[in-house]
Amino acid sequence: MAIGKLLDAGLGAQVQLDLASLAKATGRTFSDQEKAEIAQAQTKAYRRTFLLSGMTHPNFDRTLRELTQSGHAEVSGLAHRLNIS
């Protein structure tokens, strides 16, 4: 869980770099509202791609279940919350 939280915390910096790259590539200046909407969508996409897909992969799920039922329940709950947010 700590590794996942660490990765999630680093997404903000990457999203800001993505926004700067998008502005440069398109030659646009985005309003604060546009930046917020783009950042929200990008963060959700990164979470789904890097965190959710890893936490729900069958091999990871099986291994975690074998190691610890309580850990499996915690990761499953987090994956569910990430999937609906």
Protein backbone atom coordinates (compact mmCIF):
# COMPACT_ATOMS: atom_id res chain seq x y z
CA MET A 1 0.00 0.00 0.00
CA ALA A 2 2.84 2.36 0.81
CA ILE A 3 4.34 1.90 -2.65
CA GLY A 4 0.98 2.62 -4.28
CA LYS A 5 0.53 5.75 -2.18
CA LEU A 6 4.04 6.89 -3.09
CA LEU A 7 3.34 6.40 -6.79
CA ASP A 8 0.00 8.18 -6.50
CA ALA A 9 1.64 11.13 -4.74
CA GLY A 10 4.07 11.52 -7.63
CA LEU A 11 1.32 11.76 -10.22
CA GLY A 12 0.69 15.44 -9.53
CA ALA A 13 4.14 16.46 -10.70
CA GLN A 14 3.82 14.35 -13.85
CA VAL A 15 0.39 15.80 -14.61
CA GLN A 16 1.82 19.33 -14.37
CA LEU A 17 4.58 18.37 -16.82
CA ASP A 18 1.92 16.90 -19.11
CA LEU A 19 -0.07 20.15 -18.99
CA ALA A 20 3.02 22.17 -19.91
CA SER A 21 3.77 19.81 -22.80
CA LEU A 22 0.19 19.96 -24.04
CA ALA A 23 0.19 23.76 -23.95
CA LYS A 24 3.48 23.87 -25.86
CA ALA A 25 2.40 21.27 -28.43
CA THR A 26 -0.91 22.97 -29.12
CA GLY A 27 0.31 26.55 -28.79
CA ARG A 28 -2.53 27.24 -26.35
CA THR A 29 -2.79 28.87 -22.99
CA PHE A 30 -5.34 27.03 -20.87
CA SER A 31 -7.59 28.74 -18.35
CA ASP A 32 -7.42 27.66 -14.71
CA GLN A 33 -10.67 25.76 -15.16
CA GLU A 34 -9.36 23.97 -18.26
CA LYS A 35 -6.13 23.10 -16.44
CA ALA A 36 -8.10 21.68 -13.52
CA GLU A 37 -10.30 19.58 -15.81
CA ILE A 38 -7.34 18.28 -17.81
CA ALA A 39 -5.39 17.52 -14.63
CA GLN A 40 -8.35 15.64 -13.14
CA ALA A 41 -8.79 13.52 -16.27
CA GLN A 42 -5.05 12.86 -16.59
CA THR A 43 -4.73 11.87 -12.94
CA LYS A 44 -7.65 9.46 -13.25
CA ALA A 45 -6.11 7.96 -16.39
CA TYR A 46 -2.74 7.49 -14.70
CA ARG A 47 -4.35 5.90 -11.66
CA ARG A 48 -6.26 3.48 -13.86
CA THR A 49 -3.23 2.67 -16.01
CA PHE A 50 -0.54 2.29 -13.38
CA LEU A 51 -2.27 1.57 -10.08
CA LEU A 52 -5.62 -0.02 -10.75
CA SER A 53 -4.43 -2.32 -13.53
CA GLY A 54 -1.58 -3.55 -11.34
CA MET A 55 -3.67 -4.03 -8.22
CA THR A 56 -6.31 -6.02 -10.08
CA HIS A 57 -3.99 -8.13 -12.25
CA PRO A 58 -4.81 -11.82 -11.67
CA ASN A 59 -1.21 -12.76 -10.80
CA PHE A 60 -0.88 -9.96 -8.23
CA ASP A 61 -4.33 -10.74 -6.83
CA ARG A 62 -3.53 -14.43 -6.41
CA THR A 63 -0.15 -13.78 -4.81
CA LEU A 64 -1.51 -11.18 -2.41
CA ARG A 65 -4.38 -13.49 -1.41
CA GLU A 66 -1.83 -16.24 -0.65
CA LEU A 67 0.30 -13.87 1.45
CA THR A 68 -2.35 -12.09 3.50
CA GLN A 69 -6.13 -12.05 3.52
CA SER A 70 -6.30 -8.73 5.36
CA GLY A 71 -3.87 -7.14 2.91
CA HIS A 72 -5.85 -8.55 0.02
CA ALA A 73 -9.06 -7.06 1.43
CA GLU A 74 -7.37 -3.66 1.89
CA VAL A 75 -5.98 -3.59 -1.65
CA SER A 76 -9.29 -4.79 -3.10
CA GLY A 77 -11.14 -2.01 -1.29
CA LEU A 78 -8.70 0.60 -2.53
CA ALA A 79 -8.93 -0.74 -6.08
CA HIS A 80 -12.72 -0.52 -5.89
CA ARG A 81 -12.57 3.10 -4.65
CA LEU A 82 -10.10 4.05 -7.40
CA ASN A 83 -12.27 2.39 -10.03
CA ILE A 84 -15.40 4.36 -9.12
CA SER A 85 -13.75 7.73 -8.56
